[in-house]
Full PDB file with SEQRES, HELIX, SHEET, SSBOND, CRYST1, ORIGX, SCALE, CONECT and MASTER records, all heavy atoms in Angstrom:
SEQRES   1 A   44  PHE TYR ASN MET ALA PHE HIS ALA THR ALA LYS GLY GLU          
SEQRES   2 A   44  ARG SER SER PRO ASN SER TYR ILE ARG ALA THR LEU ALA          
SEQRES   3 A   44  ASP PRO ALA GLY TYR PRO LEU THR VAL LYS LEU HIS ALA          
SEQRES   4 A   44  LEU VAL THR ARG VAL                                          
HELIX    1 AA1 PRO A   17  LEU A   25  1                                   9    
CRYST1    1.000    1.000    1.000  90.00  90.00  90.00 P 1           1          
ORIGX1      1.000000  0.000000  0.000000        0.00000                         
ORIGX2      0.000000  1.000000  0.000000        0.00000                         
ORIGX3      0.000000  0.000000  1.000000        0.00000                         
SCALE1      1.000000  0.000000  0.000000        0.00000                         
SCALE2      0.000000  1.000000  0.000000        0.00000                         
SCALE3      0.000000  0.000000  1.000000        0.00000                         
ATOM      1  N   PHE A   1      28.106 -12.352   3.707  1.00  0.00           N  
ATOM      2  CA  PHE A   1      27.738 -10.936   3.752  1.00  0.00           C  
ATOM      3  C   PHE A   1      26.761 -10.653   2.608  1.00  0.00           C  
ATOM      4  O   PHE A   1      26.700 -11.368   1.624  1.00  0.00           O  
ATOM      5  CB  PHE A   1      28.959 -10.054   3.547  1.00  0.00           C  
ATOM      6  CG  PHE A   1      30.012 -10.200   4.602  1.00  0.00           C  
ATOM      7  CD1 PHE A   1      31.205 -10.821   4.305  1.00  0.00           C  
ATOM      8  CD2 PHE A   1      29.806  -9.722   5.868  1.00  0.00           C  
ATOM      9  CE1 PHE A   1      32.191 -10.945   5.237  1.00  0.00           C  
ATOM     10  CE2 PHE A   1      30.795  -9.857   6.827  1.00  0.00           C  
ATOM     11  CZ  PHE A   1      31.972 -10.470   6.513  1.00  0.00           C  
ATOM     12  N   TYR A   2      26.029  -9.588   2.786  1.00  0.00           N  
ATOM     13  CA  TYR A   2      25.179  -9.081   1.715  1.00  0.00           C  
ATOM     14  C   TYR A   2      25.157  -7.566   1.808  1.00  0.00           C  
ATOM     15  O   TYR A   2      25.316  -6.976   2.887  1.00  0.00           O  
ATOM     16  CB  TYR A   2      23.744  -9.611   1.838  1.00  0.00           C  
ATOM     17  CG  TYR A   2      23.638 -11.120   1.803  1.00  0.00           C  
ATOM     18  CD1 TYR A   2      23.645 -11.852   2.985  1.00  0.00           C  
ATOM     19  CD2 TYR A   2      23.600 -11.800   0.606  1.00  0.00           C  
ATOM     20  CE1 TYR A   2      23.563 -13.237   2.956  1.00  0.00           C  
ATOM     21  CE2 TYR A   2      23.522 -13.192   0.567  1.00  0.00           C  
ATOM     22  CZ  TYR A   2      23.507 -13.884   1.744  1.00  0.00           C  
ATOM     23  OH  TYR A   2      23.446 -15.266   1.735  1.00  0.00           O  
ATOM     24  N   ASN A   3      24.986  -6.949   0.656  1.00  0.00           N  
ATOM     25  CA  ASN A   3      24.877  -5.508   0.652  1.00  0.00           C  
ATOM     26  C   ASN A   3      23.590  -5.100   1.374  1.00  0.00           C  
ATOM     27  O   ASN A   3      22.591  -5.799   1.323  1.00  0.00           O  
ATOM     28  CB  ASN A   3      24.843  -4.981  -0.784  1.00  0.00           C  
ATOM     29  CG  ASN A   3      25.303  -3.529  -0.887  1.00  0.00           C  
ATOM     30  OD1 ASN A   3      25.308  -2.794   0.087  1.00  0.00           O  
ATOM     31  ND2 ASN A   3      25.736  -3.145  -2.072  1.00  0.00           N  
ATOM     32  N   MET A   4      23.667  -3.980   2.080  1.00  0.00           N  
ATOM     33  CA  MET A   4      22.494  -3.504   2.824  1.00  0.00           C  
ATOM     34  C   MET A   4      21.388  -3.139   1.847  1.00  0.00           C  
ATOM     35  O   MET A   4      21.581  -2.335   0.922  1.00  0.00           O  
ATOM     36  CB  MET A   4      22.879  -2.283   3.659  1.00  0.00           C  
ATOM     37  CG  MET A   4      21.744  -1.766   4.566  1.00  0.00           C  
ATOM     38  SD  MET A   4      21.461  -2.837   5.993  1.00  0.00           S  
ATOM     39  CE  MET A   4      22.777  -2.322   7.064  1.00  0.00           C  
ATOM     40  N   ALA A   5      20.218  -3.753   2.004  1.00  0.00           N  
ATOM     41  CA  ALA A   5      19.069  -3.484   1.161  1.00  0.00           C  
ATOM     42  C   ALA A   5      18.019  -2.728   1.925  1.00  0.00           C  
ATOM     43  O   ALA A   5      17.811  -2.933   3.118  1.00  0.00           O  
ATOM     44  CB  ALA A   5      18.497  -4.811   0.612  1.00  0.00           C  
ATOM     45  N   PHE A   6      17.317  -1.847   1.230  1.00  0.00           N  
ATOM     46  CA  PHE A   6      16.272  -1.042   1.836  1.00  0.00           C  
ATOM     47  C   PHE A   6      14.993  -1.136   1.003  1.00  0.00           C  
ATOM     48  O   PHE A   6      15.052  -1.146  -0.223  1.00  0.00           O  
ATOM     49  CB  PHE A   6      16.689   0.441   1.928  1.00  0.00           C  
ATOM     50  CG  PHE A   6      18.010   0.681   2.579  1.00  0.00           C  
ATOM     51  CD1 PHE A   6      19.189   0.664   1.869  1.00  0.00           C  
ATOM     52  CD2 PHE A   6      18.070   0.891   3.955  1.00  0.00           C  
ATOM     53  CE1 PHE A   6      20.413   0.870   2.476  1.00  0.00           C  
ATOM     54  CE2 PHE A   6      19.281   1.123   4.583  1.00  0.00           C  
ATOM     55  CZ  PHE A   6      20.463   1.114   3.855  1.00  0.00           C  
ATOM     56  N   HIS A   7      13.858  -1.177   1.677  1.00  0.00           N  
ATOM     57  CA  HIS A   7      12.579  -1.112   0.986  1.00  0.00           C  
ATOM     58  C   HIS A   7      12.293   0.359   0.692  1.00  0.00           C  
ATOM     59  O   HIS A   7      11.566   1.055   1.358  1.00  0.00           O  
ATOM     60  CB  HIS A   7      11.450  -1.681   1.859  1.00  0.00           C  
ATOM     61  CG  HIS A   7      11.543  -3.160   2.041  1.00  0.00           C  
ATOM     62  ND1 HIS A   7      10.735  -3.850   2.906  1.00  0.00           N  
ATOM     63  CD2 HIS A   7      12.359  -4.088   1.479  1.00  0.00           C  
ATOM     64  CE1 HIS A   7      11.044  -5.132   2.880  1.00  0.00           C  
ATOM     65  NE2 HIS A   7      12.013  -5.296   2.009  1.00  0.00           N  
ATOM     66  N   ALA A   8      12.926   0.850  -0.370  1.00  0.00           N  
ATOM     67  CA  ALA A   8      12.806   2.258  -0.711  1.00  0.00           C  
ATOM     68  C   ALA A   8      12.975   2.428  -2.214  1.00  0.00           C  
ATOM     69  O   ALA A   8      13.653   1.649  -2.890  1.00  0.00           O  
ATOM     70  CB  ALA A   8      13.864   3.092   0.022  1.00  0.00           C  
ATOM     71  N   THR A   9      12.370   3.471  -2.720  1.00  0.00           N  
ATOM     72  CA  THR A   9      12.522   3.812  -4.131  1.00  0.00           C  
ATOM     73  C   THR A   9      13.865   4.507  -4.320  1.00  0.00           C  
ATOM     74  O   THR A   9      14.574   4.833  -3.364  1.00  0.00           O  
ATOM     75  CB  THR A   9      11.404   4.734  -4.592  1.00  0.00           C  
ATOM     76  OG1 THR A   9      11.536   6.012  -3.919  1.00  0.00           O  
ATOM     77  CG2 THR A   9      10.044   4.143  -4.275  1.00  0.00           C  
ATOM     78  N   ALA A  10      14.214   4.749  -5.579  1.00  0.00           N  
ATOM     79  CA  ALA A  10      15.445   5.458  -5.876  1.00  0.00           C  
ATOM     80  C   ALA A  10      15.452   6.850  -5.282  1.00  0.00           C  
ATOM     81  O   ALA A  10      16.500   7.451  -5.068  1.00  0.00           O  
ATOM     82  CB  ALA A  10      15.661   5.506  -7.384  1.00  0.00           C  
ATOM     83  N   LYS A  11      14.241   7.412  -4.994  1.00  0.00           N  
ATOM     84  CA  LYS A  11      14.132   8.742  -4.402  1.00  0.00           C  
ATOM     85  C   LYS A  11      14.208   8.704  -2.878  1.00  0.00           C  
ATOM     86  O   LYS A  11      14.118   9.722  -2.224  1.00  0.00           O  
ATOM     87  CB  LYS A  11      12.806   9.392  -4.811  1.00  0.00           C  
ATOM     88  CG  LYS A  11      12.686   9.657  -6.296  1.00  0.00           C  
ATOM     89  CD  LYS A  11      11.349  10.294  -6.635  1.00  0.00           C  
ATOM     90  CE  LYS A  11      11.211  10.581  -8.124  1.00  0.00           C  
ATOM     91  NZ  LYS A  11       9.891  11.205  -8.426  1.00  0.00           N  
ATOM     92  N   GLY A  12      14.381   7.490  -2.304  1.00  0.00           N  
ATOM     93  CA  GLY A  12      14.456   7.361  -0.876  1.00  0.00           C  
ATOM     94  C   GLY A  12      13.119   7.250  -0.176  1.00  0.00           C  
ATOM     95  O   GLY A  12      13.046   7.255   1.045  1.00  0.00           O  
ATOM     96  N   GLU A  13      12.037   7.118  -0.962  1.00  0.00           N  
ATOM     97  CA  GLU A  13      10.708   6.988  -0.384  1.00  0.00           C  
ATOM     98  C   GLU A  13      10.458   5.531   0.005  1.00  0.00           C  
ATOM     99  O   GLU A  13      10.785   4.623  -0.756  1.00  0.00           O  
ATOM    100  CB  GLU A  13       9.653   7.469  -1.373  1.00  0.00           C  
ATOM    101  CG  GLU A  13       9.784   8.933  -1.764  1.00  0.00           C  
ATOM    102  CD  GLU A  13       8.893   9.324  -2.929  1.00  0.00           C  
ATOM    103  OE1 GLU A  13       8.489   8.392  -3.693  1.00  0.00           O  
ATOM    104  OE2 GLU A  13       8.599  10.518  -3.095  1.00  0.00           O  
ATOM    105  N   ARG A  14       9.870   5.299   1.167  1.00  0.00           N  
ATOM    106  CA  ARG A  14       9.634   3.952   1.635  1.00  0.00           C  
ATOM    107  C   ARG A  14       8.676   3.198   0.704  1.00  0.00           C  
ATOM    108  O   ARG A  14       7.635   3.731   0.321  1.00  0.00           O  
ATOM    109  CB  ARG A  14       9.055   3.947   3.052  1.00  0.00           C  
ATOM    110  CG  ARG A  14       8.818   2.559   3.643  1.00  0.00           C  
ATOM    111  CD  ARG A  14       8.325   2.629   5.067  1.00  0.00           C  
ATOM    112  NE  ARG A  14       8.044   1.313   5.622  1.00  0.00           N  
ATOM    113  CZ  ARG A  14       8.900   0.529   6.174  1.00  0.00           C  
ATOM    114  NH1 ARG A  14      10.135   0.924   6.280  1.00  0.00           N  
ATOM    115  NH2 ARG A  14       8.552  -0.658   6.671  1.00  0.00           N  
ATOM    116  N   SER A  15       9.027   1.989   0.359  1.00  0.00           N  
ATOM    117  CA  SER A  15       8.176   1.129  -0.466  1.00  0.00           C  
ATOM    118  C   SER A  15       7.539   0.077   0.446  1.00  0.00           C  
ATOM    119  O   SER A  15       8.221  -0.586   1.208  1.00  0.00           O  
ATOM    120  CB  SER A  15       8.999   0.465  -1.570  1.00  0.00           C  
ATOM    121  OG  SER A  15       8.213  -0.426  -2.319  1.00  0.00           O  
ATOM    122  N   SER A  16       6.234  -0.064   0.342  1.00  0.00           N  
ATOM    123  CA  SER A  16       5.522  -0.994   1.206  1.00  0.00           C  
ATOM    124  C   SER A  16       4.209  -1.382   0.542  1.00  0.00           C  
ATOM    125  O   SER A  16       3.870  -0.883  -0.545  1.00  0.00           O  
ATOM    126  CB  SER A  16       5.229  -0.313   2.567  1.00  0.00           C  
ATOM    127  OG  SER A  16       4.221   0.664   2.435  1.00  0.00           O  
ATOM    128  N   PRO A  17       3.444  -2.307   1.157  1.00  0.00           N  
ATOM    129  CA  PRO A  17       2.118  -2.626   0.600  1.00  0.00           C  
ATOM    130  C   PRO A  17       1.224  -1.419   0.392  1.00  0.00           C  
ATOM    131  O   PRO A  17       0.313  -1.449  -0.415  1.00  0.00           O  
ATOM    132  CB  PRO A  17       1.538  -3.591   1.647  1.00  0.00           C  
ATOM    133  CG  PRO A  17       2.749  -4.266   2.225  1.00  0.00           C  
ATOM    134  CD  PRO A  17       3.802  -3.196   2.294  1.00  0.00           C  
ATOM    135  N   ASN A  18       1.499  -0.355   1.155  1.00  0.00           N  
ATOM    136  CA  ASN A  18       0.754   0.891   0.964  1.00  0.00           C  
ATOM    137  C   ASN A  18       0.810   1.365  -0.475  1.00  0.00           C  
ATOM    138  O   ASN A  18      -0.162   1.930  -1.007  1.00  0.00           O  
ATOM    139  CB  ASN A  18       1.299   1.964   1.903  1.00  0.00           C  
ATOM    140  CG  ASN A  18       0.591   3.295   1.753  1.00  0.00           C  
ATOM    141  OD1 ASN A  18      -0.605   3.393   1.908  1.00  0.00           O  
ATOM    142  ND2 ASN A  18       1.347   4.323   1.475  1.00  0.00           N  
ATOM    143  N   SER A  19       1.961   1.125  -1.127  1.00  0.00           N  
ATOM    144  CA  SER A  19       2.114   1.524  -2.532  1.00  0.00           C  
ATOM    145  C   SER A  19       1.122   0.785  -3.430  1.00  0.00           C  
ATOM    146  O   SER A  19       0.550   1.362  -4.364  1.00  0.00           O  
ATOM    147  CB  SER A  19       3.547   1.250  -3.002  1.00  0.00           C  
ATOM    148  OG  SER A  19       4.509   1.873  -2.147  1.00  0.00           O  
ATOM    149  N   TYR A  20       0.883  -0.495  -3.128  1.00  0.00           N  
ATOM    150  CA  TYR A  20      -0.069  -1.275  -3.917  1.00  0.00           C  
ATOM    151  C   TYR A  20      -1.499  -0.862  -3.643  1.00  0.00           C  
ATOM    152  O   TYR A  20      -2.335  -0.854  -4.556  1.00  0.00           O  
ATOM    153  CB  TYR A  20       0.132  -2.761  -3.597  1.00  0.00           C  
ATOM    154  CG  TYR A  20       1.361  -3.334  -4.249  1.00  0.00           C  
ATOM    155  CD1 TYR A  20       2.603  -3.204  -3.666  1.00  0.00           C  
ATOM    156  CD2 TYR A  20       1.282  -3.964  -5.483  1.00  0.00           C  
ATOM    157  CE1 TYR A  20       3.742  -3.706  -4.266  1.00  0.00           C  
ATOM    158  CE2 TYR A  20       2.414  -4.468  -6.087  1.00  0.00           C  
ATOM    159  CZ  TYR A  20       3.637  -4.345  -5.473  1.00  0.00           C  
ATOM    160  OH  TYR A  20       4.755  -4.822  -6.090  1.00  0.00           O  
ATOM    161  N   ILE A  21      -1.797  -0.538  -2.390  1.00  0.00           N  
ATOM    162  CA  ILE A  21      -3.154  -0.056  -2.071  1.00  0.00           C  
ATOM    163  C   ILE A  21      -3.463   1.218  -2.828  1.00  0.00           C  
ATOM    164  O   ILE A  21      -4.544   1.377  -3.421  1.00  0.00           O  
ATOM    165  CB  ILE A  21      -3.287   0.158  -0.552  1.00  0.00           C  
ATOM    166  CG1 ILE A  21      -3.182  -1.181   0.188  1.00  0.00           C  
ATOM    167  CG2 ILE A  21      -4.622   0.833  -0.236  1.00  0.00           C  
ATOM    168  CD1 ILE A  21      -3.152  -1.048   1.688  1.00  0.00           C  
ATOM    169  N   ARG A  22      -2.509   2.144  -2.829  1.00  0.00           N  
ATOM    170  CA  ARG A  22      -2.722   3.418  -3.530  1.00  0.00           C  
ATOM    171  C   ARG A  22      -2.877   3.201  -5.046  1.00  0.00           C  
ATOM    172  O   ARG A  22      -3.711   3.819  -5.699  1.00  0.00           O  
ATOM    173  CB  ARG A  22      -1.577   4.367  -3.253  1.00  0.00           C  
ATOM    174  CG  ARG A  22      -1.562   4.894  -1.806  1.00  0.00           C  
ATOM    175  CD  ARG A  22      -0.373   5.810  -1.561  1.00  0.00           C  
ATOM    176  NE  ARG A  22      -0.377   6.304  -0.196  1.00  0.00           N  
ATOM    177  CZ  ARG A  22      -1.022   7.398   0.215  1.00  0.00           C  
ATOM    178  NH1 ARG A  22      -1.744   8.091  -0.667  1.00  0.00           N  
ATOM    179  NH2 ARG A  22      -0.974   7.792   1.473  1.00  0.00           N  
ATOM    180  N   ALA A  23      -2.080   2.292  -5.598  1.00  0.00           N  
ATOM    181  CA  ALA A  23      -2.172   1.998  -7.031  1.00  0.00           C  
ATOM    182  C   ALA A  23      -3.506   1.358  -7.369  1.00  0.00           C  
ATOM    183  O   ALA A  23      -4.122   1.649  -8.400  1.00  0.00           O  
ATOM    184  CB  ALA A  23      -1.019   1.085  -7.450  1.00  0.00           C  
ATOM    185  N   THR A  24      -4.014   0.499  -6.469  1.00  0.00           N  
ATOM    186  CA  THR A  24      -5.293  -0.145  -6.674  1.00  0.00           C  
ATOM    187  C   THR A  24      -6.447   0.876  -6.618  1.00  0.00           C  
ATOM    188  O   THR A  24      -7.351   0.871  -7.450  1.00  0.00           O  
ATOM    189  CB  THR A  24      -5.527  -1.230  -5.614  1.00  0.00           C  
ATOM    190  OG1 THR A  24      -4.465  -2.207  -5.704  1.00  0.00           O  
ATOM    191  CG2 THR A  24      -6.847  -1.944  -5.837  1.00  0.00           C  
ATOM    192  N   LEU A  25      -6.383   1.773  -5.646  1.00  0.00           N  
ATOM    193  CA  LEU A  25      -7.402   2.805  -5.516  1.00  0.00           C  
ATOM    194  C   LEU A  25      -7.410   3.745  -6.722  1.00  0.00           C  
ATOM    195  O   LEU A  25      -8.447   4.306  -7.078  1.00  0.00           O  
ATOM    196  CB  LEU A  25      -7.206   3.604  -4.238  1.00  0.00           C  
ATOM    197  CG  LEU A  25      -7.478   2.873  -2.926  1.00  0.00           C  
ATOM    198  CD1 LEU A  25      -7.041   3.703  -1.736  1.00  0.00           C  
ATOM    199  CD2 LEU A  25      -8.963   2.520  -2.805  1.00  0.00           C  
ATOM    200  N   ALA A  26      -6.250   3.881  -7.360  1.00  0.00           N  
ATOM    201  CA  ALA A  26      -6.136   4.760  -8.525  1.00  0.00           C  
ATOM    202  C   ALA A  26      -6.709   4.138  -9.785  1.00  0.00           C  
ATOM    203  O   ALA A  26      -6.786   4.789 -10.828  1.00  0.00           O  
ATOM    204  CB  ALA A  26      -4.672   5.137  -8.755  1.00  0.00           C  
ATOM    205  N   ASP A  27      -7.112   2.846  -9.706  1.00  0.00           N  
ATOM    206  CA  ASP A  27      -7.675   2.149 -10.855  1.00  0.00           C  
ATOM    207  C   ASP A  27      -9.024   1.528 -10.489  1.00  0.00           C  
ATOM    208  O   ASP A  27      -9.161   0.291 -10.429  1.00  0.00           O  
ATOM    209  CB  ASP A  27      -6.693   1.069 -11.349  1.00  0.00           C  
ATOM    210  CG  ASP A  27      -7.162   0.361 -12.610  1.00  0.00           C  
ATOM    211  OD1 ASP A  27      -8.118   0.856 -13.260  1.00  0.00           O  
ATOM    212  OD2 ASP A  27      -6.588  -0.696 -12.944  1.00  0.00           O  
ATOM    213  N   PRO A  28     -10.036   2.320 -10.197  1.00  0.00           N  
ATOM    214  CA  PRO A  28     -11.329   1.803  -9.735  1.00  0.00           C  
ATOM    215  C   PRO A  28     -12.028   0.942 -10.762  1.00  0.00           C  
ATOM    216  O   PRO A  28     -12.793   0.037 -10.411  1.00  0.00           O  
ATOM    217  CB  PRO A  28     -12.145   3.062  -9.415  1.00  0.00           C  
ATOM    218  CG  PRO A  28     -11.500   4.151 -10.210  1.00  0.00           C  
ATOM    219  CD  PRO A  28     -10.040   3.806 -10.249  1.00  0.00           C  
ATOM    220  N   ALA A  29     -11.776   1.180 -12.044  1.00  0.00           N  
ATOM    221  CA  ALA A  29     -12.413   0.365 -13.076  1.00  0.00           C  
ATOM    222  C   ALA A  29     -11.868  -1.053 -13.052  1.00  0.00           C  
ATOM    223  O   ALA A  29     -12.620  -2.027 -13.210  1.00  0.00           O  
ATOM    224  CB  ALA A  29     -12.201   0.994 -14.459  1.00  0.00           C  
ATOM    225  N   GLY A  30     -10.565  -1.172 -12.874  1.00  0.00           N  
ATOM    226  CA  GLY A  30      -9.954  -2.493 -12.866  1.00  0.00           C  
ATOM    227  C   GLY A  30     -10.070  -3.196 -11.532  1.00  0.00           C  
ATOM    228  O   GLY A  30     -10.193  -4.420 -11.477  1.00  0.00           O  
ATOM    229  N   TYR A  31     -10.017  -2.428 -10.455  1.00  0.00           N  
ATOM    230  CA  TYR A  31     -10.036  -2.985  -9.112  1.00  0.00           C  
ATOM    231  C   TYR A  31     -11.001  -2.183  -8.240  1.00  0.00           C  
ATOM    232  O   TYR A  31     -10.595  -1.175  -7.650  1.00  0.00           O  
ATOM    233  CB  TYR A  31      -8.651  -2.987  -8.499  1.00  0.00           C  
ATOM    234  CG  TYR A  31      -7.611  -3.712  -9.331  1.00  0.00           C  
ATOM    235  CD1 TYR A  31      -6.784  -3.002 -10.204  1.00  0.00           C  
ATOM    236  CD2 TYR A  31      -7.479  -5.096  -9.249  1.00  0.00           C  
ATOM    237  CE1 TYR A  31      -5.849  -3.672 -10.975  1.00  0.00           C  
ATOM    238  CE2 TYR A  31      -6.542  -5.762 -10.016  1.00  0.00           C  
ATOM    239  CZ  TYR A  31      -5.743  -5.046 -10.884  1.00  0.00           C  
ATOM    240  OH  TYR A  31      -4.793  -5.704 -11.647  1.00  0.00           O  
ATOM    241  N   PRO A  32     -12.229  -2.584  -8.122  1.00  0.00           N  
ATOM    242  CA  PRO A  32     -13.212  -1.820  -7.321  1.00  0.00           C  
ATOM    243  C   PRO A  32     -13.010  -2.001  -5.812  1.00  0.00           C  
ATOM    244  O   PRO A  32     -13.768  -2.706  -5.161  1.00  0.00           O  
ATOM    245  CB  PRO A  32     -14.544  -2.393  -7.799  1.00  0.00           C  
ATOM    246  CG  PRO A  32     -14.217  -3.785  -8.225  1.00  0.00           C  
ATOM    247  CD  PRO A  32     -12.833  -3.738  -8.799  1.00  0.00           C  
ATOM    248  N   LEU A  33     -11.991  -1.388  -5.296  1.00  0.00           N  
ATOM    249  CA  LEU A  33     -11.660  -1.479  -3.874  1.00  0.00           C  
ATOM    250  C   LEU A  33     -12.161  -0.240  -3.133  1.00  0.00           C  
ATOM    251  O   LEU A  33     -11.956   0.880  -3.598  1.00  0.00           O  
ATOM    252  CB  LEU A  33     -10.155  -1.615  -3.685  1.00  0.00           C  
ATOM    253  CG  LEU A  33      -9.627  -1.587  -2.236  1.00  0.00           C  
ATOM    254  CD1 LEU A  33     -10.088  -2.813  -1.456  1.00  0.00           C  
ATOM    255  CD2 LEU A  33      -8.098  -1.480  -2.229  1.00  0.00           C  
ATOM    256  N   THR A  34     -12.783  -0.453  -1.991  1.00  0.00           N  
ATOM    257  CA  THR A  34     -13.188   0.654  -1.109  1.00  0.00           C  
ATOM    258  C   THR A  34     -12.415   0.569   0.180  1.00  0.00           C  
ATOM    259  O   THR A  34     -12.388  -0.500   0.830  1.00  0.00           O  
ATOM    260  CB  THR A  34     -14.691   0.610  -0.821  1.00  0.00           C  
ATOM    261  OG1 THR A  34     -15.426   0.735  -2.039  1.00  0.00           O  
ATOM    262  CG2 THR A  34     -15.082   1.740   0.127  1.00  0.00           C  
ATOM    263  N   VAL A  35     -11.759   1.626   0.584  1.00  0.00           N  
ATOM    264  CA  VAL A  35     -11.052   1.695   1.855  1.00  0.00           C  
ATOM    265  C   VAL A  35     -11.850   2.615   2.783  1.00  0.00           C  
ATOM    266  O   VAL A  35     -12.067   3.785   2.474  1.00  0.00           O  
ATOM    267  CB  VAL A  35      -9.612   2.238   1.677  1.00  0.00           C  
ATOM    268  CG1 VAL A  35      -8.950   2.384   3.035  1.00  0.00           C  
ATOM    269  CG2 VAL A  35      -8.797   1.277   0.811  1.00  0.00           C  
ATOM    270  N   LYS A  36     -12.303   2.064   3.882  1.00  0.00           N  
ATOM    271  CA  LYS A  36     -13.110   2.815   4.842  1.00  0.00           C  
ATOM    272  C   LYS A  36     -12.246   3.197   6.035  1.00  0.00           C  
ATOM    273  O   LYS A  36     -11.776   2.335   6.764  1.00  0.00           O  
ATOM    274  CB  LYS A  36     -14.296   1.974   5.305  1.00  0.00           C  
ATOM    275  CG  LYS A  36     -15.323   2.734   6.148  1.00  0.00           C  
ATOM    276  CD  LYS A  36     -16.523   1.835   6.477  1.00  0.00           C  
ATOM    277  CE  LYS A  36     -17.553   2.576   7.323  1.00  0.00           C  
ATOM    278  NZ  LYS A  36     -18.154   3.708   6.590  1.00  0.00           N  
ATOM    279  N   LEU A  37     -11.999   4.478   6.200  1.00  0.00           N  
ATOM    280  CA  LEU A  37     -11.198   4.984   7.315  1.00  0.00           C  
ATOM    281  C   LEU A  37     -12.078   5.241   8.543  1.00  0.00           C  
ATOM    282  O   LEU A  37     -13.290   5.265   8.458  1.00  0.00           O  
ATOM    283  CB  LEU A  37     -10.458   6.245   6.897  1.00  0.00           C  
ATOM    284  CG  LEU A  37      -9.539   6.133   5.671  1.00  0.00           C  
ATOM    285  CD1 LEU A  37      -8.912   7.492   5.346  1.00  0.00           C  
ATOM    286  CD2 LEU A  37      -8.479   5.089   5.873  1.00  0.00           C  
ATOM    287  N   HIS A  38     -11.403   5.411   9.690  1.00  0.00           N  
ATOM    288  CA  HIS A  38     -12.111   5.675  10.941  1.00  0.00           C  
ATOM    289  C   HIS A  38     -13.202   4.640  11.188  1.00  0.00           C  
ATOM    290  O   HIS A  38     -14.352   4.960  11.500  1.00  0.00           O  
ATOM    291  CB  HIS A  38     -12.714   7.093  10.936  1.00  0.00           C  
ATOM    292  CG  HIS A  38     -11.716   8.175  10.701  1.00  0.00           C  
ATOM    293  ND1 HIS A  38     -10.608   8.361  11.496  1.00  0.00           N  
ATOM    294  CD2 HIS A  38     -11.631   9.116   9.714  1.00  0.00           C  
ATOM    295  CE1 HIS A  38      -9.911   9.379  11.037  1.00  0.00           C  
ATOM    296  NE2 HIS A  38     -10.489   9.844   9.962  1.00  0.00           N  
ATOM    297  N   ALA A  39     -12.817   3.377  11.013  1.00  0.00           N  
ATOM    298  CA  ALA A  39     -13.773   2.289  11.190  1.00  0.00           C  
ATOM    299  C   ALA A  39     -13.114   1.195  12.029  1.00  0.00           C  
ATOM    300  O   ALA A  39     -11.974   0.786  11.763  1.00  0.00           O  
ATOM    301  CB  ALA A  39     -14.216   1.745   9.842  1.00  0.00           C  
ATOM    302  N   LEU A  40     -13.802   0.721  13.055  1.00  0.00           N  
ATOM    303  CA  LEU A  40     -13.317  -0.334  13.925  1.00  0.00           C  
ATOM    304  C   LEU A  40     -14.231  -1.540  13.800  1.00  0.00           C  
ATOM    305  O   LEU A  40     -15.430  -1.483  14.132  1.00  0.00           O  
ATOM    306  CB  LEU A  40     -13.272   0.145  15.357  1.00  0.00           C  
ATOM    307  CG  LEU A  40     -12.862  -0.897  16.421  1.00  0.00           C  
ATOM    308  CD1 LEU A  40     -11.393  -1.284  16.246  1.00  0.00           C  
ATOM    309  CD2 LEU A  40     -13.117  -0.374  17.842  1.00  0.00           C  
ATOM    310  N   VAL A  41     -13.695  -2.657  13.295  1.00  0.00           N  
ATOM    311  CA  VAL A  41     -14.476  -3.886  13.216  1.00  0.00           C  
ATOM    312  C   VAL A  41     -14.680  -4.427  14.614  1.00  0.00           C  
ATOM    313  O   VAL A  41     -13.708  -4.677  15.349  1.00  0.00           O  
ATOM    314  CB  VAL A  41     -13.769  -4.921  12.315  1.00  0.00           C  
ATOM    315  CG1 VAL A  41     -14.513  -6.264  12.377  1.00  0.00           C  
ATOM    316  CG2 VAL A  41     -13.715  -4.430  10.876  1.00  0.00           C  
ATOM    317  N   THR A  42     -15.915  -4.627  14.995  1.00  0.00           N  
ATOM    318  CA  THR A  42     -16.247  -5.115  16.335  1.00  0.00           C  
ATOM    319  C   THR A  42     -16.448  -6.611  16.385  1.00  0.00           C  
ATOM    320  O   THR A  42     -16.188  -7.253  17.404  1.00  0.00           O  
ATOM    321  CB  THR A  42     -17.487  -4.404  16.884  1.00  0.00           C  
ATOM    322  OG1 THR A  42     -18.584  -4.677  15.993  1.00  0.00           O  
ATOM    323  CG2 THR A  42     -17.254  -2.890  16.979  1.00  0.00           C  
ATOM    324  N   ARG A  43     -16.932  -7.211  15.312  1.00  0.00           N  
ATOM    325  CA  ARG A  43     -17.111  -8.653  15.262  1.00  0.00           C  
ATOM    326  C   ARG A  43     -17.475  -9.097  13.864  1.00  0.00           C  
ATOM    327  O   ARG A  43     -17.877  -8.268  13.030  1.00  0.00           O  
ATOM    328  CB  ARG A  43     -18.186  -9.113  16.230  1.00  0.00           C  
ATOM    329  CG  ARG A  43     -19.600  -8.624  15.937  1.00  0.00           C  
ATOM    330  CD  ARG A  43     -20.566  -9.002  17.039  1.00  0.00           C  
ATOM    331  NE  ARG A  43     -21.909  -8.465  16.765  1.00  0.00           N  
ATOM    332  CZ  ARG A  43     -22.939  -9.175  16.356  1.00  0.00           C  
ATOM    333  NH1 ARG A  43     -22.827 -10.468  16.123  1.00  0.00           N  
ATOM    334  NH2 ARG A  43     -24.127  -8.607  16.148  1.00  0.00           N  
ATOM    335  N   VAL A  44     -17.318 -10.378  13.620  1.00  0.00           N  
ATOM    336  CA  VAL A  44     -17.787 -10.997  12.382  1.00  0.00           C  
ATOM    337  C   VAL A  44     -19.235 -11.392  12.553  1.00  0.00           C  
ATOM    338  O   VAL A  44     -19.643 -11.900  13.609  1.00  0.00           O  
ATOM    339  CB  VAL A  44     -16.941 -12.240  12.031  1.00  0.00           C  
ATOM    340  CG1 VAL A  44     -17.467 -12.949  10.785  1.00  0.00           C  
ATOM    341  CG2 VAL A  44     -15.471 -11.836  11.798  1.00  0.00           C  
TER     342      VAL A  44                                                      
MASTER        0    0    0    1    0    0    0    6  341    1    0    4          
END                                                                             
C-alpha cells in the first residue's frame, strides 16, 4: 500500500510542468523563452 499522493500544492492547486513554464517566463534574463499562442505548426 501507499498513501494517496496528489500533484498539488499545499493550497490544493495542481502542480504540473505548467508551473515550470510560468517560472521560466517570469525570468526572461535567465531563460529567454518565448511562448507563442494561437499557433499551429504545419511542418518542419
